[in-house]
Amino acid sequence: MDQWVRRTARQQDRAGGCAVHVCVREEGELVGFFTLTSVEIRGETVAKRASSGMTVVPATLIGRMALDADYRGQGIGALLMLEVLLAAHRGSKYVASRLITIDAKNDKLVERYRELGFTPTLTDPRKLWMKMTAARATLKAEGYEL
């Protein structure tokens, strides 16, 4: 995680490849990070309620997300995901985005993302999506003012 952030994150961010968001302690220690990118997904790959019949659906991709191993199992990953949803929501006010998408690296992550409200696409069980309206509802339920 540290290597990617130190070597690649700034370069990707400056080149416009993704927006990098980092979570650090007051002392500057890296706790976690995530990246967001605007993408389009084919409407036929998601449920009709997600695409509303659009052939191409604007979305925000969570391209990379990581939490330092020292902070796992403490609920910090869930807080990081809330920050992801908040950043995606805020971005959708400026750039159209109907869905948030994420690619799970393994089946354990698929289950975790499903627990968080993501739904697998119709074509690939490791590609998941969440409607932006569901993200907003989650944030409101957690006490965020939008």
C-alpha atoms as a PDB file:
ATOM      1  CA  MET A   1       0.000   0.000   0.000  1.00  0.00           C
ATOM      2  CA  ASP A   2       2.687   2.495   1.004  1.00  0.00           C
ATOM      3  CA  GLN A   3       4.699   1.812  -2.136  1.00  0.00           C
ATOM      4  CA  TRP A   4       1.767   2.447  -4.484  1.00  0.00           C
ATOM      5  CA  VAL A   5       0.840   5.670  -2.706  1.00  0.00           C
ATOM      6  CA  ARG A   6       4.419   6.948  -2.626  1.00  0.00           C
ATOM      7  CA  ARG A   7       5.428   5.895  -6.146  1.00  0.00           C
ATOM      8  CA  THR A   8       2.307   5.970  -8.267  1.00  0.00           C
ATOM      9  CA  ALA A   9      -0.502   7.930  -6.617  1.00  0.00           C
ATOM     10  CA  ARG A  10       0.804  11.430  -7.258  1.00  0.00           C
ATOM     11  CA  GLN A  11       1.672  10.568 -10.863  1.00  0.00           C
ATOM     12  CA  GLN A  12      -1.791   9.092 -11.509  1.00  0.00           C
ATOM     13  CA  ASP A  13      -3.515  12.030  -9.839  1.00  0.00           C
ATOM     14  CA  ARG A  14      -1.542  14.639 -11.803  1.00  0.00           C
ATOM     15  CA  ALA A  15      -2.071  12.808 -15.104  1.00  0.00           C
ATOM     16  CA  GLY A  16      -5.829  12.731 -14.513  1.00  0.00           C
ATOM     17  CA  GLY A  17      -5.938   8.943 -14.307  1.00  0.00           C
ATOM     18  CA  CYS A  18      -7.726   8.997 -10.977  1.00  0.00           C
ATOM     19  CA  ALA A  19      -8.383  11.166  -7.957  1.00  0.00           C
ATOM     20  CA  VAL A  20      -6.408   9.871  -4.978  1.00  0.00           C
ATOM     21  CA  HIS A  21      -7.763  10.324  -1.452  1.00  0.00           C
ATOM     22  CA  VAL A  22      -5.629   9.418   1.559  1.00  0.00           C
ATOM     23  CA  CYS A  23      -6.473   8.833   5.204  1.00  0.00           C
ATOM     24  CA  VAL A  24      -3.647   9.676   7.597  1.00  0.00           C
ATOM     25  CA  ARG A  25      -3.191   9.974  11.334  1.00  0.00           C
ATOM     26  CA  GLU A  26      -2.224  13.337  12.830  1.00  0.00           C
ATOM     27  CA  GLU A  27       1.400  12.176  12.862  1.00  0.00           C
ATOM     28  CA  GLY A  28       1.247  11.659   9.091  1.00  0.00           C
ATOM     29  CA  GLU A  29       1.077   7.851   9.220  1.00  0.00           C
ATOM     30  CA  LEU A  30      -0.839   6.413   6.253  1.00  0.00           C
ATOM     31  CA  VAL A  31      -3.945   4.533   7.406  1.00  0.00           C
ATOM     32  CA  GLY A  32      -5.618   3.933   4.051  1.00  0.00           C
ATOM     33  CA  PHE A  33      -6.466   5.370   0.677  1.00  0.00           C
ATOM     34  CA  PHE A  34      -8.876   5.124  -2.224  1.00  0.00           C
ATOM     35  CA  THR A  35      -9.070   6.326  -5.803  1.00  0.00           C
ATOM     36  CA  LEU A  36     -12.069   7.450  -7.827  1.00  0.00           C
ATOM     37  CA  THR A  37     -12.430   7.669 -11.598  1.00  0.00           C
ATOM     38  CA  SER A  38     -15.340   8.623 -13.850  1.00  0.00           C
ATOM     39  CA  VAL A  39     -16.391   5.728 -16.082  1.00  0.00           C
ATOM     40  CA  GLU A  40     -19.268   4.582 -18.233  1.00  0.00           C
ATOM     41  CA  ILE A  41     -20.768   1.130 -17.944  1.00  0.00           C
ATOM     42  CA  ARG A  42     -23.053  -0.666 -20.357  1.00  0.00           C
ATOM     43  CA  GLY A  43     -26.659  -0.504 -19.240  1.00  0.00           C
ATOM     44  CA  GLU A  44     -27.325  -4.152 -20.045  1.00  0.00           C
ATOM     45  CA  THR A  45     -24.752  -5.246 -17.439  1.00  0.00           C
ATOM     46  CA  VAL A  46     -26.823  -3.935 -14.502  1.00  0.00           C
ATOM     47  CA  ALA A  47     -30.409  -4.265 -13.344  1.00  0.00           C
ATOM     48  CA  LYS A  48     -32.946  -2.066 -15.110  1.00  0.00           C
ATOM     49  CA  ARG A  49     -33.506  -0.124 -11.869  1.00  0.00           C
ATOM     50  CA  ALA A  50     -29.840   0.861 -12.016  1.00  0.00           C
ATOM     51  CA  SER A  51     -29.727   1.836 -15.677  1.00  0.00           C
ATOM     52  CA  SER A  52     -33.270   3.234 -16.099  1.00  0.00           C
ATOM     53  CA  GLY A  53     -33.008   1.982 -19.661  1.00  0.00           C
ATOM     54  CA  MET A  54     -29.840   3.935 -20.472  1.00  0.00           C
ATOM     55  CA  THR A  55     -27.519   2.129 -22.865  1.00  0.00           C
ATOM     56  CA  VAL A  56     -24.514   3.837 -21.264  1.00  0.00           C
ATOM     57  CA  VAL A  57     -24.633   4.669 -17.559  1.00  0.00           C
ATOM     58  CA  PRO A  58     -22.316   7.288 -15.988  1.00  0.00           C
ATOM     59  CA  ALA A  59     -20.581   5.901 -12.921  1.00  0.00           C
ATOM     60  CA  THR A  60     -17.802   6.486 -10.415  1.00  0.00           C
ATOM     61  CA  LEU A  61     -15.276   3.663 -10.166  1.00  0.00           C
ATOM     62  CA  ILE A  62     -13.528   2.907  -6.888  1.00  0.00           C
ATOM     63  CA  GLY A  63     -10.323   1.946  -8.640  1.00  0.00           C
ATOM     64  CA  ARG A  64      -8.111   1.174  -5.676  1.00  0.00           C
ATOM     65  CA  MET A  65      -8.850   1.012  -1.987  1.00  0.00           C
ATOM     66  CA  ALA A  66      -6.593  -0.219   0.783  1.00  0.00           C
ATOM     67  CA  LEU A  67      -6.340  -0.129   4.548  1.00  0.00           C
ATOM     68  CA  ASP A  68      -3.077  -0.664   6.412  1.00  0.00           C
ATOM     69  CA  ALA A  69      -3.025  -4.136   8.014  1.00  0.00           C
ATOM     70  CA  ASP A  70      -2.479  -2.602  11.474  1.00  0.00           C
ATOM     71  CA  TYR A  71      -5.926  -0.984  11.287  1.00  0.00           C
ATOM     72  CA  ARG A  72      -7.981  -3.922  10.058  1.00  0.00           C
ATOM     73  CA  GLY A  73     -10.670  -5.399  12.274  1.00  0.00           C
ATOM     74  CA  GLN A  74     -11.337  -2.102  14.064  1.00  0.00           C
ATOM     75  CA  GLY A  75     -14.180  -0.753  11.932  1.00  0.00           C
ATOM     76  CA  ILE A  76     -11.884   1.685  10.160  1.00  0.00           C
ATOM     77  CA  GLY A  77     -12.468  -0.009   6.802  1.00  0.00           C
ATOM     78  CA  ALA A  78     -16.191   0.719   7.126  1.00  0.00           C
ATOM     79  CA  LEU A  79     -15.380   4.353   7.923  1.00  0.00           C
ATOM     80  CA  LEU A  80     -13.107   4.483   4.880  1.00  0.00           C
ATOM     81  CA  MET A  81     -15.970   3.169   2.729  1.00  0.00           C
ATOM     82  CA  LEU A  82     -18.223   5.924   4.084  1.00  0.00           C
ATOM     83  CA  GLU A  83     -15.588   8.442   2.998  1.00  0.00           C
ATOM     84  CA  VAL A  84     -15.567   6.791  -0.435  1.00  0.00           C
ATOM     85  CA  LEU A  85     -19.340   7.155  -0.695  1.00  0.00           C
ATOM     86  CA  LEU A  86     -19.148  10.773   0.478  1.00  0.00           C
ATOM     87  CA  ALA A  87     -16.453  11.661  -2.063  1.00  0.00           C
ATOM     88  CA  ALA A  88     -18.414   9.943  -4.847  1.00  0.00           C
ATOM     89  CA  HIS A  89     -21.587  11.767  -3.814  1.00  0.00           C
ATOM     90  CA  ARG A  90     -19.833  15.134  -3.757  1.00  0.00           C
ATOM     91  CA  GLY A  91     -18.292  14.484  -7.168  1.00  0.00           C
ATOM     92  CA  SER A  92     -21.691  13.569  -8.607  1.00  0.00           C
ATOM     93  CA  LYS A  93     -22.843  17.126  -7.958  1.00  0.00           C
ATOM     94  CA  TYR A  94     -20.346  18.288 -10.592  1.00  0.00           C
ATOM     95  CA  VAL A  95     -19.957  15.303 -12.928  1.00  0.00           C
ATOM     96  CA  ALA A  96     -22.951  13.076 -13.656  1.00  0.00           C
ATOM     97  CA  SER A  97     -22.728   9.720 -11.915  1.00  0.00           C
ATOM     98  CA  ARG A  98     -25.673   7.393 -11.436  1.00  0.00           C
ATOM     99  CA  LEU A  99     -23.736   4.454  -9.984  1.00  0.00           C
ATOM    100  CA  ILE A 100     -20.671   3.665  -7.880  1.00  0.00           C
ATOM    101  CA  THR A 101     -18.777   0.612  -9.121  1.00  0.00           C
ATOM    102  CA  ILE A 102     -16.021  -1.535  -7.664  1.00  0.00           C
ATOM    103  CA  ASP A 103     -14.107  -4.599  -8.835  1.00  0.00           C
ATOM    104  CA  ALA A 104     -13.592  -7.181  -6.087  1.00  0.00           C
ATOM    105  CA  LYS A 105     -10.276  -9.036  -6.164  1.00  0.00           C
ATOM    106  CA  ASN A 106     -11.689 -12.173  -4.527  1.00  0.00           C
ATOM    107  CA  ASP A 107     -14.901 -13.823  -3.355  1.00  0.00           C
ATOM    108  CA  LYS A 108     -14.400 -12.682   0.247  1.00  0.00           C
ATOM    109  CA  LEU A 109     -14.417  -9.061  -0.923  1.00  0.00           C
ATOM    110  CA  VAL A 110     -17.500  -9.735  -3.062  1.00  0.00           C
ATOM    111  CA  GLU A 111     -19.338 -10.763   0.106  1.00  0.00           C
ATOM    112  CA  ARG A 112     -18.028  -7.763   2.037  1.00  0.00           C
ATOM    113  CA  TYR A 113     -19.120  -5.327  -0.666  1.00  0.00           C
ATOM    114  CA  ARG A 114     -22.519  -7.020  -0.852  1.00  0.00           C
ATOM    115  CA  GLU A 115     -22.886  -6.519   2.920  1.00  0.00           C
ATOM    116  CA  LEU A 116     -22.199  -2.827   2.298  1.00  0.00           C
ATOM    117  CA  GLY A 117     -25.018  -2.606  -0.256  1.00  0.00           C
ATOM    118  CA  PHE A 118     -23.281  -3.309  -3.574  1.00  0.00           C
ATOM    119  CA  THR A 119     -24.873  -5.622  -6.164  1.00  0.00           C
ATOM    120  CA  PRO A 120     -22.968  -7.810  -8.641  1.00  0.00           C
ATOM    121  CA  THR A 121     -23.385  -6.952 -12.319  1.00  0.00           C
ATOM    122  CA  LEU A 122     -25.312  -9.348 -14.526  1.00  0.00           C
ATOM    123  CA  THR A 123     -22.163 -10.282 -16.442  1.00  0.00           C
ATOM    124  CA  ASP A 124     -19.420 -10.572 -13.798  1.00  0.00           C
ATOM    125  CA  PRO A 125     -19.986 -11.417 -10.109  1.00  0.00           C
ATOM    126  CA  ARG A 126     -16.773  -9.620  -9.117  1.00  0.00           C
ATOM    127  CA  LYS A 127     -17.887  -6.313 -10.649  1.00  0.00           C
ATOM    128  CA  LEU A 128     -20.360  -4.670  -8.313  1.00  0.00           C
ATOM    129  CA  TRP A 129     -22.440  -1.499  -8.325  1.00  0.00           C
ATOM    130  CA  MET A 130     -24.465   0.717  -6.008  1.00  0.00           C
ATOM    131  CA  LYS A 131     -26.901   3.420  -7.035  1.00  0.00           C
ATOM    132  CA  MET A 132     -25.793   6.896  -6.016  1.00  0.00           C
ATOM    133  CA  THR A 133     -29.183   7.348  -4.332  1.00  0.00           C
ATOM    134  CA  ALA A 134     -28.418   4.315  -2.137  1.00  0.00           C
ATOM    135  CA  ALA A 135     -25.038   5.818  -1.247  1.00  0.00           C
ATOM    136  CA  ARG A 136     -26.762   9.050  -0.220  1.00  0.00           C
ATOM    137  CA  ALA A 137     -29.280   7.110   1.895  1.00  0.00           C
ATOM    138  CA  THR A 138     -26.429   5.237   3.608  1.00  0.00           C
ATOM    139  CA  LEU A 139     -24.615   8.483   4.358  1.00  0.00           C
ATOM    140  CA  LYS A 140     -27.771  10.097   5.761  1.00  0.00           C
ATOM    141  CA  ALA A 141     -28.440   7.018   7.930  1.00  0.00           C
ATOM    142  CA  GLU A 142     -24.888   7.364   9.312  1.00  0.00           C
ATOM    143  CA  GLY A 143     -25.522  11.007  10.243  1.00  0.00           C
ATOM    144  CA  TYR A 144     -23.793  12.761   7.360  1.00  0.00           C
ATOM    145  CA  GLU A 145     -25.344  16.065   6.294  1.00  0.00           C
ATOM    146  CA  LEU A 146     -25.482  16.222   2.518  1.00  0.00           C
END
